[in-house]
All heavy atoms as atom14 arrays in JSON, in Angstrom:
{
  "sequence": "LTRNVAELLQELRVAQAGVQILFGFLLAVAFTEVYTRADDFQRGVHL",
  "atom14_mask": [
    [1, 1, 1, 1, 1, 1, 1, 1, 0, 0, 0, 0, 0, 0],
    [1, 1, 1, 1, 1, 1, 1, 0, 0, 0, 0, 0, 0, 0],
    [1, 1, 1, 1, 1, 1, 1, 1, 1, 1, 1, 0, 0, 0],
    [1, 1, 1, 1, 1, 1, 1, 1, 0, 0, 0, 0, 0, 0],
    [1, 1, 1, 1, 1, 1, 1, 0, 0, 0, 0, 0, 0, 0],
    [1, 1, 1, 1, 1, 0, 0, 0, 0, 0, 0, 0, 0, 0],
    [1, 1, 1, 1, 1, 1, 1, 1, 1, 0, 0, 0, 0, 0],
    [1, 1, 1, 1, 1, 1, 1, 1, 0, 0, 0, 0, 0, 0],
    [1, 1, 1, 1, 1, 1, 1, 1, 0, 0, 0, 0, 0, 0],
    [1, 1, 1, 1, 1, 1, 1, 1, 1, 0, 0, 0, 0, 0],
    [1, 1, 1, 1, 1, 1, 1, 1, 1, 0, 0, 0, 0, 0],
    [1, 1, 1, 1, 1, 1, 1, 1, 0, 0, 0, 0, 0, 0],
    [1, 1, 1, 1, 1, 1, 1, 1, 1, 1, 1, 0, 0, 0],
    [1, 1, 1, 1, 1, 1, 1, 0, 0, 0, 0, 0, 0, 0],
    [1, 1, 1, 1, 1, 0, 0, 0, 0, 0, 0, 0, 0, 0],
    [1, 1, 1, 1, 1, 1, 1, 1, 1, 0, 0, 0, 0, 0],
    [1, 1, 1, 1, 1, 0, 0, 0, 0, 0, 0, 0, 0, 0],
    [1, 1, 1, 1, 0, 0, 0, 0, 0, 0, 0, 0, 0, 0],
    [1, 1, 1, 1, 1, 1, 1, 0, 0, 0, 0, 0, 0, 0],
    [1, 1, 1, 1, 1, 1, 1, 1, 1, 0, 0, 0, 0, 0],
    [1, 1, 1, 1, 1, 1, 1, 1, 0, 0, 0, 0, 0, 0],
    [1, 1, 1, 1, 1, 1, 1, 1, 0, 0, 0, 0, 0, 0],
    [1, 1, 1, 1, 1, 1, 1, 1, 1, 1, 1, 0, 0, 0],
    [1, 1, 1, 1, 0, 0, 0, 0, 0, 0, 0, 0, 0, 0],
    [1, 1, 1, 1, 1, 1, 1, 1, 1, 1, 1, 0, 0, 0],
    [1, 1, 1, 1, 1, 1, 1, 1, 0, 0, 0, 0, 0, 0],
    [1, 1, 1, 1, 1, 1, 1, 1, 0, 0, 0, 0, 0, 0],
    [1, 1, 1, 1, 1, 0, 0, 0, 0, 0, 0, 0, 0, 0],
    [1, 1, 1, 1, 1, 1, 1, 0, 0, 0, 0, 0, 0, 0],
    [1, 1, 1, 1, 1, 0, 0, 0, 0, 0, 0, 0, 0, 0],
    [1, 1, 1, 1, 1, 1, 1, 1, 1, 1, 1, 0, 0, 0],
    [1, 1, 1, 1, 1, 1, 1, 0, 0, 0, 0, 0, 0, 0],
    [1, 1, 1, 1, 1, 1, 1, 1, 1, 0, 0, 0, 0, 0],
    [1, 1, 1, 1, 1, 1, 1, 0, 0, 0, 0, 0, 0, 0],
    [1, 1, 1, 1, 1, 1, 1, 1, 1, 1, 1, 1, 0, 0],
    [1, 1, 1, 1, 1, 1, 1, 0, 0, 0, 0, 0, 0, 0],
    [1, 1, 1, 1, 1, 1, 1, 1, 1, 1, 1, 0, 0, 0],
    [1, 1, 1, 1, 1, 0, 0, 0, 0, 0, 0, 0, 0, 0],
    [1, 1, 1, 1, 1, 1, 1, 1, 0, 0, 0, 0, 0, 0],
    [1, 1, 1, 1, 1, 1, 1, 1, 0, 0, 0, 0, 0, 0],
    [1, 1, 1, 1, 1, 1, 1, 1, 1, 1, 1, 0, 0, 0],
    [1, 1, 1, 1, 1, 1, 1, 1, 1, 0, 0, 0, 0, 0],
    [1, 1, 1, 1, 1, 1, 1, 1, 1, 1, 1, 0, 0, 0],
    [1, 1, 1, 1, 0, 0, 0, 0, 0, 0, 0, 0, 0, 0],
    [1, 1, 1, 1, 1, 1, 1, 0, 0, 0, 0, 0, 0, 0],
    [1, 1, 1, 1, 1, 1, 1, 1, 1, 1, 0, 0, 0, 0],
    [1, 1, 1, 1, 1, 1, 1, 1, 0, 0, 0, 0, 0, 0]
  ],
  "atom14_positions": [
    [[60.51, 114.49, 93.17], [61.92, 114.48, 92.79], [62.79, 115.08, 93.9], [63.86, 114.55, 94.21], [62.13, 115.25, 91.48], [61.6, 114.57, 90.22], [61.67, 115.53, 89.03], [62.35, 113.28, 89.93], [0.0, 0.0, 0.0], [0.0, 0.0, 0.0], [0.0, 0.0, 0.0], [0.0, 0.0, 0.0], [0.0, 0.0, 0.0], [0.0, 0.0, 0.0]],
    [[62.34, 116.16, 94.49], [63.08, 116.79, 95.58], [63.21, 115.83, 96.76], [64.29, 115.67, 97.35], [62.38, 118.09, 96.03], [62.34, 118.99, 94.92], [63.1, 118.74, 97.19], [0.0, 0.0, 0.0], [0.0, 0.0, 0.0], [0.0, 0.0, 0.0], [0.0, 0.0, 0.0], [0.0, 0.0, 0.0], [0.0, 0.0, 0.0], [0.0, 0.0, 0.0]],
    [[62.11, 115.17, 97.1], [62.12, 114.2, 98.2], [63.04, 113.03, 97.87], [63.83, 112.58, 98.71], [60.7, 113.7, 98.48], [60.62, 112.66, 99.6], [59.19, 112.2, 99.85], [58.48, 111.78, 98.67], [58.61, 110.58, 98.07], [59.47, 109.7, 98.55], [57.89, 110.28, 97.01], [0.0, 0.0, 0.0], [0.0, 0.0, 0.0], [0.0, 0.0, 0.0]],
    [[62.98, 112.53, 96.64], [63.83, 111.4, 96.24], [65.31, 111.75, 96.31], [66.12, 110.93, 96.76], [63.47, 110.93, 94.83], [62.16, 110.18, 94.79], [61.64, 109.74, 95.81], [61.61, 110.04, 93.61], [0.0, 0.0, 0.0], [0.0, 0.0, 0.0], [0.0, 0.0, 0.0], [0.0, 0.0, 0.0], [0.0, 0.0, 0.0], [0.0, 0.0, 0.0]],
    [[65.68, 112.94, 95.88], [67.08, 113.36, 95.96], [67.5, 113.45, 97.42], [68.57, 112.96, 97.81], [67.31, 114.71, 95.24], [68.67, 115.29, 95.59], [67.19, 114.54, 93.74], [0.0, 0.0, 0.0], [0.0, 0.0, 0.0], [0.0, 0.0, 0.0], [0.0, 0.0, 0.0], [0.0, 0.0, 0.0], [0.0, 0.0, 0.0], [0.0, 0.0, 0.0]],
    [[66.66, 114.05, 98.27], [66.99, 114.18, 99.69], [67.14, 112.8, 100.35], [68.07, 112.58, 101.13], [65.92, 115.0, 100.4], [0.0, 0.0, 0.0], [0.0, 0.0, 0.0], [0.0, 0.0, 0.0], [0.0, 0.0, 0.0], [0.0, 0.0, 0.0], [0.0, 0.0, 0.0], [0.0, 0.0, 0.0], [0.0, 0.0, 0.0], [0.0, 0.0, 0.0]],
    [[66.23, 111.89, 100.03], [66.31, 110.53, 100.59], [67.58, 109.82, 100.14], [68.25, 109.18, 100.94], [65.07, 109.72, 100.21], [63.82, 110.14, 100.93], [62.57, 109.41, 100.45], [62.68, 108.56, 99.53], [61.49, 109.69, 100.99], [0.0, 0.0, 0.0], [0.0, 0.0, 0.0], [0.0, 0.0, 0.0], [0.0, 0.0, 0.0], [0.0, 0.0, 0.0]],
    [[67.9, 109.93, 98.87], [69.09, 109.27, 98.34], [70.35, 109.82, 99.01], [71.21, 109.05, 99.46], [69.19, 109.46, 96.82], [70.43, 108.86, 96.17], [70.42, 107.34, 96.29], [70.51, 109.27, 94.73], [0.0, 0.0, 0.0], [0.0, 0.0, 0.0], [0.0, 0.0, 0.0], [0.0, 0.0, 0.0], [0.0, 0.0, 0.0], [0.0, 0.0, 0.0]],
    [[70.45, 111.13, 99.12], [71.64, 111.72, 99.74], [71.75, 111.32, 101.21], [72.86, 111.07, 101.72], [71.63, 113.24, 99.58], [71.79, 113.73, 98.13], [71.65, 115.25, 98.07], [73.11, 113.28, 97.52], [0.0, 0.0, 0.0], [0.0, 0.0, 0.0], [0.0, 0.0, 0.0], [0.0, 0.0, 0.0], [0.0, 0.0, 0.0], [0.0, 0.0, 0.0]],
    [[70.63, 111.2, 101.91], [70.65, 110.77, 103.31], [71.1, 109.31, 103.4], [71.9, 108.96, 104.28], [69.27, 110.95, 103.95], [69.23, 110.59, 105.41], [70.19, 111.4, 106.26], [70.46, 112.57, 106.01], [70.74, 110.78, 107.28], [0.0, 0.0, 0.0], [0.0, 0.0, 0.0], [0.0, 0.0, 0.0], [0.0, 0.0, 0.0], [0.0, 0.0, 0.0]],
    [[70.61, 108.46, 102.53], [71.03, 107.06, 102.52], [72.54, 106.95, 102.27], [73.22, 106.13, 102.89], [70.27, 106.28, 101.44], [68.8, 106.1, 101.74], [67.99, 105.66, 100.52], [68.6, 105.45, 99.44], [66.77, 105.53, 100.66], [0.0, 0.0, 0.0], [0.0, 0.0, 0.0], [0.0, 0.0, 0.0], [0.0, 0.0, 0.0], [0.0, 0.0, 0.0]],
    [[73.04, 107.75, 101.37], [74.46, 107.7, 101.05], [75.32, 108.16, 102.21], [76.44, 107.68, 102.38], [74.75, 108.53, 99.79], [74.18, 107.94, 98.51], [74.39, 108.9, 97.35], [74.77, 106.57, 98.21], [0.0, 0.0, 0.0], [0.0, 0.0, 0.0], [0.0, 0.0, 0.0], [0.0, 0.0, 0.0], [0.0, 0.0, 0.0], [0.0, 0.0, 0.0]],
    [[74.82, 109.07, 103.04], [75.58, 109.52, 104.22], [75.89, 108.34, 105.14], [76.97, 108.25, 105.71], [74.8, 110.59, 104.97], [74.86, 111.94, 104.33], [74.17, 113.0, 105.2], [74.03, 114.22, 104.44], [72.93, 114.61, 103.81], [71.84, 113.88, 103.87], [72.91, 115.74, 103.13], [0.0, 0.0, 0.0], [0.0, 0.0, 0.0], [0.0, 0.0, 0.0]],
    [[74.93, 107.44, 105.28], [75.13, 106.26, 106.13], [76.24, 105.39, 105.56], [77.17, 104.99, 106.27], [73.81, 105.46, 106.25], [74.04, 104.14, 106.98], [72.75, 106.29, 106.94], [0.0, 0.0, 0.0], [0.0, 0.0, 0.0], [0.0, 0.0, 0.0], [0.0, 0.0, 0.0], [0.0, 0.0, 0.0], [0.0, 0.0, 0.0], [0.0, 0.0, 0.0]],
    [[76.18, 105.09, 104.28], [77.18, 104.25, 103.65], [78.55, 104.93, 103.63], [79.58, 104.28, 103.84], [76.75, 103.89, 102.23], [0.0, 0.0, 0.0], [0.0, 0.0, 0.0], [0.0, 0.0, 0.0], [0.0, 0.0, 0.0], [0.0, 0.0, 0.0], [0.0, 0.0, 0.0], [0.0, 0.0, 0.0], [0.0, 0.0, 0.0], [0.0, 0.0, 0.0]],
    [[78.57, 106.24, 103.39], [79.84, 106.97, 103.32], [80.6, 106.89, 104.63], [81.82, 106.71, 104.63], [79.59, 108.43, 102.96], [79.2, 108.66, 101.54], [78.73, 110.08, 101.29], [78.72, 110.91, 102.19], [78.33, 110.36, 100.07], [0.0, 0.0, 0.0], [0.0, 0.0, 0.0], [0.0, 0.0, 0.0], [0.0, 0.0, 0.0], [0.0, 0.0, 0.0]],
    [[79.89, 107.03, 105.73], [80.56, 106.98, 107.03], [81.26, 105.63, 107.22], [82.43, 105.56, 107.61], [79.56, 107.23, 108.15], [0.0, 0.0, 0.0], [0.0, 0.0, 0.0], [0.0, 0.0, 0.0], [0.0, 0.0, 0.0], [0.0, 0.0, 0.0], [0.0, 0.0, 0.0], [0.0, 0.0, 0.0], [0.0, 0.0, 0.0], [0.0, 0.0, 0.0]],
    [[80.56, 104.55, 106.9], [81.15, 103.23, 107.05], [82.35, 103.01, 106.17], [83.39, 102.5, 106.61], [0.0, 0.0, 0.0], [0.0, 0.0, 0.0], [0.0, 0.0, 0.0], [0.0, 0.0, 0.0], [0.0, 0.0, 0.0], [0.0, 0.0, 0.0], [0.0, 0.0, 0.0], [0.0, 0.0, 0.0], [0.0, 0.0, 0.0], [0.0, 0.0, 0.0]],
    [[82.26, 103.4, 104.92], [83.37, 103.17, 104.0], [84.56, 104.06, 104.33], [85.72, 103.65, 104.18], [82.93, 103.32, 102.53], [82.74, 104.75, 102.13], [83.92, 102.64, 101.6], [0.0, 0.0, 0.0], [0.0, 0.0, 0.0], [0.0, 0.0, 0.0], [0.0, 0.0, 0.0], [0.0, 0.0, 0.0], [0.0, 0.0, 0.0], [0.0, 0.0, 0.0]],
    [[84.33, 105.25, 104.83], [85.43, 106.13, 105.2], [86.16, 105.59, 106.43], [87.4, 105.66, 106.5], [84.93, 107.54, 105.41], [84.56, 108.21, 104.1], [83.8, 109.51, 104.27], [83.26, 109.82, 105.32], [83.74, 110.28, 103.2], [0.0, 0.0, 0.0], [0.0, 0.0, 0.0], [0.0, 0.0, 0.0], [0.0, 0.0, 0.0], [0.0, 0.0, 0.0]],
    [[85.42, 105.04, 107.38], [86.07, 104.42, 108.55], [86.88, 103.2, 108.11], [88.02, 103.01, 108.54], [85.01, 104.04, 109.61], [84.43, 105.31, 110.23], [85.6, 103.13, 110.68], [83.17, 105.09, 111.04], [0.0, 0.0, 0.0], [0.0, 0.0, 0.0], [0.0, 0.0, 0.0], [0.0, 0.0, 0.0], [0.0, 0.0, 0.0], [0.0, 0.0, 0.0]],
    [[86.3, 102.38, 107.25], [87.01, 101.21, 106.73], [88.27, 101.63, 105.99], [89.34, 101.05, 106.19], [86.1, 100.41, 105.8], [86.75, 99.21, 105.1], [87.23, 98.19, 106.12], [85.78, 98.59, 104.12], [0.0, 0.0, 0.0], [0.0, 0.0, 0.0], [0.0, 0.0, 0.0], [0.0, 0.0, 0.0], [0.0, 0.0, 0.0], [0.0, 0.0, 0.0]],
    [[88.17, 102.65, 105.16], [89.33, 103.13, 104.4], [90.45, 103.58, 105.35], [91.61, 103.24, 105.16], [88.92, 104.27, 103.47], [90.04, 104.77, 102.6], [90.57, 103.98, 101.6], [90.55, 106.04, 102.78], [91.6, 104.44, 100.79], [91.58, 106.51, 101.99], [92.12, 105.71, 100.99], [0.0, 0.0, 0.0], [0.0, 0.0, 0.0], [0.0, 0.0, 0.0]],
    [[90.08, 104.32, 106.39], [91.06, 104.76, 107.38], [91.74, 103.58, 108.06], [92.97, 103.57, 108.25], [0.0, 0.0, 0.0], [0.0, 0.0, 0.0], [0.0, 0.0, 0.0], [0.0, 0.0, 0.0], [0.0, 0.0, 0.0], [0.0, 0.0, 0.0], [0.0, 0.0, 0.0], [0.0, 0.0, 0.0], [0.0, 0.0, 0.0], [0.0, 0.0, 0.0]],
    [[90.96, 102.58, 108.43], [91.52, 101.38, 109.05], [92.5, 100.7, 108.1], [93.61, 100.33, 108.49], [90.39, 100.42, 109.43], [90.86, 99.02, 109.7], [91.52, 98.7, 110.88], [90.67, 98.01, 108.75], [91.97, 97.41, 111.11], [91.12, 96.73, 108.98], [91.77, 96.41, 110.16], [0.0, 0.0, 0.0], [0.0, 0.0, 0.0], [0.0, 0.0, 0.0]],
    [[92.1, 100.54, 106.85], [92.96, 99.87, 105.87], [94.25, 100.64, 105.62], [95.31, 100.03, 105.42], [92.2, 99.65, 104.57], [91.07, 98.62, 104.63], [90.22, 98.67, 103.37], [91.62, 97.22, 104.87], [0.0, 0.0, 0.0], [0.0, 0.0, 0.0], [0.0, 0.0, 0.0], [0.0, 0.0, 0.0], [0.0, 0.0, 0.0], [0.0, 0.0, 0.0]],
    [[94.16, 101.95, 105.62], [95.39, 102.74, 105.45], [96.32, 102.56, 106.65], [97.53, 102.42, 106.48], [95.05, 104.23, 105.29], [94.45, 104.63, 103.95], [94.14, 106.12, 103.96], [95.39, 104.29, 102.81], [0.0, 0.0, 0.0], [0.0, 0.0, 0.0], [0.0, 0.0, 0.0], [0.0, 0.0, 0.0], [0.0, 0.0, 0.0], [0.0, 0.0, 0.0]],
    [[95.75, 102.55, 107.84], [96.56, 102.41, 109.05], [97.27, 101.06, 109.1], [98.4, 100.97, 109.6], [95.68, 102.61, 110.29], [0.0, 0.0, 0.0], [0.0, 0.0, 0.0], [0.0, 0.0, 0.0], [0.0, 0.0, 0.0], [0.0, 0.0, 0.0], [0.0, 0.0, 0.0], [0.0, 0.0, 0.0], [0.0, 0.0, 0.0], [0.0, 0.0, 0.0]],
    [[96.62, 100.02, 108.61], [97.2, 98.68, 108.65], [98.57, 98.64, 107.97], [99.5, 97.98, 108.44], [96.24, 97.65, 107.99], [96.93, 96.34, 107.69], [95.04, 97.42, 108.88], [0.0, 0.0, 0.0], [0.0, 0.0, 0.0], [0.0, 0.0, 0.0], [0.0, 0.0, 0.0], [0.0, 0.0, 0.0], [0.0, 0.0, 0.0], [0.0, 0.0, 0.0]],
    [[98.7, 99.35, 106.86], [99.96, 99.32, 106.1], [101.14, 99.9, 106.87], [102.29, 99.66, 106.49], [99.78, 100.06, 104.79], [0.0, 0.0, 0.0], [0.0, 0.0, 0.0], [0.0, 0.0, 0.0], [0.0, 0.0, 0.0], [0.0, 0.0, 0.0], [0.0, 0.0, 0.0], [0.0, 0.0, 0.0], [0.0, 0.0, 0.0], [0.0, 0.0, 0.0]],
    [[100.87, 100.61, 107.95], [101.94, 101.25, 108.7], [102.18, 100.58, 110.05], [102.76, 101.17, 110.95], [101.64, 102.75, 108.88], [101.55, 103.46, 107.56], [100.32, 103.76, 107.0], [102.7, 103.79, 106.85], [100.24, 104.4, 105.77], [102.62, 104.41, 105.62], [101.39, 104.72, 105.08], [0.0, 0.0, 0.0], [0.0, 0.0, 0.0], [0.0, 0.0, 0.0]],
    [[101.75, 99.34, 110.17], [101.94, 98.6, 111.42], [103.09, 97.61, 111.26], [103.45, 97.21, 110.15], [100.67, 97.83, 111.82], [100.4, 96.84, 110.83], [99.48, 98.77, 111.99], [0.0, 0.0, 0.0], [0.0, 0.0, 0.0], [0.0, 0.0, 0.0], [0.0, 0.0, 0.0], [0.0, 0.0, 0.0], [0.0, 0.0, 0.0], [0.0, 0.0, 0.0]],
    [[103.62, 97.18, 112.39], [104.69, 96.19, 112.37], [104.19, 94.85, 111.84], [104.91, 94.14, 111.13], [105.27, 96.0, 113.77], [106.45, 95.05, 113.79], [107.01, 94.83, 115.18], [106.93, 95.76, 116.01], [107.52, 93.73, 115.42], [0.0, 0.0, 0.0], [0.0, 0.0, 0.0], [0.0, 0.0, 0.0], [0.0, 0.0, 0.0], [0.0, 0.0, 0.0]],
    [[102.96, 94.51, 112.15], [102.39, 93.24, 111.68], [102.38, 93.21, 110.15], [102.64, 92.16, 109.56], [100.95, 93.07, 112.24], [100.27, 91.86, 111.64], [100.99, 92.95, 113.75], [0.0, 0.0, 0.0], [0.0, 0.0, 0.0], [0.0, 0.0, 0.0], [0.0, 0.0, 0.0], [0.0, 0.0, 0.0], [0.0, 0.0, 0.0], [0.0, 0.0, 0.0]],
    [[102.14, 94.34, 109.52], [102.08, 94.38, 108.05], [103.43, 94.01, 107.43], [103.48, 93.42, 106.37], [101.63, 95.77, 107.58], [101.33, 95.81, 106.09], [100.14, 95.3, 105.58], [102.25, 96.35, 105.2], [99.86, 95.33, 104.22], [101.97, 96.38, 103.83], [100.79, 95.88, 103.35], [100.52, 95.9, 102.01], [0.0, 0.0, 0.0], [0.0, 0.0, 0.0]],
    [[104.51, 94.35, 108.11], [105.84, 94.02, 107.58], [106.06, 92.51, 107.52], [106.89, 92.03, 106.75], [106.97, 94.66, 108.42], [106.9, 94.15, 109.75], [106.84, 96.18, 108.42], [0.0, 0.0, 0.0], [0.0, 0.0, 0.0], [0.0, 0.0, 0.0], [0.0, 0.0, 0.0], [0.0, 0.0, 0.0], [0.0, 0.0, 0.0], [0.0, 0.0, 0.0]],
    [[105.29, 91.76, 108.33], [105.4, 90.3, 108.33], [104.35, 89.63, 107.43], [104.31, 88.4, 107.34], [105.26, 89.77, 109.76], [106.41, 90.22, 110.68], [106.35, 89.52, 112.02], [105.07, 89.62, 112.7], [104.76, 90.53, 113.62], [105.65, 91.44, 113.98], [103.58, 90.54, 114.2], [0.0, 0.0, 0.0], [0.0, 0.0, 0.0], [0.0, 0.0, 0.0]],
    [[103.53, 90.42, 106.75], [102.47, 89.87, 105.9], [103.09, 89.16, 104.7], [104.11, 89.59, 104.16], [101.55, 90.98, 105.43], [0.0, 0.0, 0.0], [0.0, 0.0, 0.0], [0.0, 0.0, 0.0], [0.0, 0.0, 0.0], [0.0, 0.0, 0.0], [0.0, 0.0, 0.0], [0.0, 0.0, 0.0], [0.0, 0.0, 0.0], [0.0, 0.0, 0.0]],
    [[102.44, 88.07, 104.3], [102.91, 87.37, 103.11], [102.31, 88.02, 101.86], [101.53, 88.96, 101.94], [102.59, 85.87, 103.19], [101.1, 85.56, 103.29], [100.28, 86.35, 102.79], [100.77, 84.51, 103.87], [0.0, 0.0, 0.0], [0.0, 0.0, 0.0], [0.0, 0.0, 0.0], [0.0, 0.0, 0.0], [0.0, 0.0, 0.0], [0.0, 0.0, 0.0]],
    [[102.69, 87.5, 100.7], [102.24, 88.09, 99.44], [100.71, 88.04, 99.29], [100.1, 88.98, 98.77], [102.9, 87.38, 98.25], [104.38, 87.72, 98.12], [104.81, 88.73, 98.72], [105.09, 86.98, 97.42], [0.0, 0.0, 0.0], [0.0, 0.0, 0.0], [0.0, 0.0, 0.0], [0.0, 0.0, 0.0], [0.0, 0.0, 0.0], [0.0, 0.0, 0.0]],
    [[100.1, 86.93, 99.72], [98.65, 86.81, 99.65], [97.99, 87.91, 100.48], [97.07, 88.6, 100.0], [98.2, 85.43, 100.14], [96.71, 85.26, 100.21], [95.96, 85.09, 99.04], [96.05, 85.29, 101.43], [94.58, 84.94, 99.1], [94.67, 85.14, 101.5], [93.94, 84.98, 100.33], [0.0, 0.0, 0.0], [0.0, 0.0, 0.0], [0.0, 0.0, 0.0]],
    [[98.44, 88.11, 101.7], [97.86, 89.12, 102.57], [98.06, 90.53, 102.03], [97.15, 91.35, 102.05], [98.45, 88.99, 103.99], [98.03, 87.72, 104.67], [98.88, 87.38, 105.88], [99.98, 87.91, 106.06], [98.39, 86.46, 106.7], [0.0, 0.0, 0.0], [0.0, 0.0, 0.0], [0.0, 0.0, 0.0], [0.0, 0.0, 0.0], [0.0, 0.0, 0.0]],
    [[99.24, 90.79, 101.49], [99.48, 92.1, 100.89], [98.6, 92.33, 99.67], [98.08, 93.42, 99.44], [100.96, 92.26, 100.51], [101.86, 92.43, 101.72], [103.33, 92.48, 101.28], [104.2, 92.45, 102.41], [104.79, 93.53, 102.93], [104.61, 94.7, 102.39], [105.57, 93.41, 103.97], [0.0, 0.0, 0.0], [0.0, 0.0, 0.0], [0.0, 0.0, 0.0]],
    [[98.43, 91.29, 98.87], [97.56, 91.4, 97.7], [96.12, 91.64, 98.09], [95.44, 92.5, 97.51], [0.0, 0.0, 0.0], [0.0, 0.0, 0.0], [0.0, 0.0, 0.0], [0.0, 0.0, 0.0], [0.0, 0.0, 0.0], [0.0, 0.0, 0.0], [0.0, 0.0, 0.0], [0.0, 0.0, 0.0], [0.0, 0.0, 0.0], [0.0, 0.0, 0.0]],
    [[95.63, 90.88, 99.08], [94.25, 91.08, 99.55], [94.1, 92.48, 100.11], [93.1, 93.16, 99.84], [93.88, 90.02, 100.62], [92.57, 90.38, 101.31], [93.79, 88.63, 99.99], [0.0, 0.0, 0.0], [0.0, 0.0, 0.0], [0.0, 0.0, 0.0], [0.0, 0.0, 0.0], [0.0, 0.0, 0.0], [0.0, 0.0, 0.0], [0.0, 0.0, 0.0]],
    [[95.09, 92.94, 100.84], [95.03, 94.29, 101.42], [94.94, 95.34, 100.32], [94.09, 96.23, 100.36], [96.25, 94.54, 102.31], [96.26, 95.9, 102.93], [97.01, 96.93, 102.43], [95.57, 96.41, 103.98], [96.8, 98.01, 103.15], [95.93, 97.72, 104.1], [0.0, 0.0, 0.0], [0.0, 0.0, 0.0], [0.0, 0.0, 0.0], [0.0, 0.0, 0.0]],
    [[95.79, 95.23, 99.32], [95.79, 96.21, 98.23], [94.46, 96.21, 97.48], [93.88, 97.27, 97.22], [96.94, 95.96, 97.26], [96.99, 96.9, 96.05], [97.13, 98.35, 96.49], [98.11, 96.5, 95.12], [0.0, 0.0, 0.0], [0.0, 0.0, 0.0], [0.0, 0.0, 0.0], [0.0, 0.0, 0.0], [0.0, 0.0, 0.0], [0.0, 0.0, 0.0]]
  ]
}
């Protein structure tokens, strides 16, 4: 059980890093000039 918990938490560290980088990128997109020209479909997909 101890090993399984340690393995699971290590696996999640890998996924967490990727999703946090993606989240940061997505947040930054909303503050760009290109975003002001986005159509409704693009804004919906972004949200």
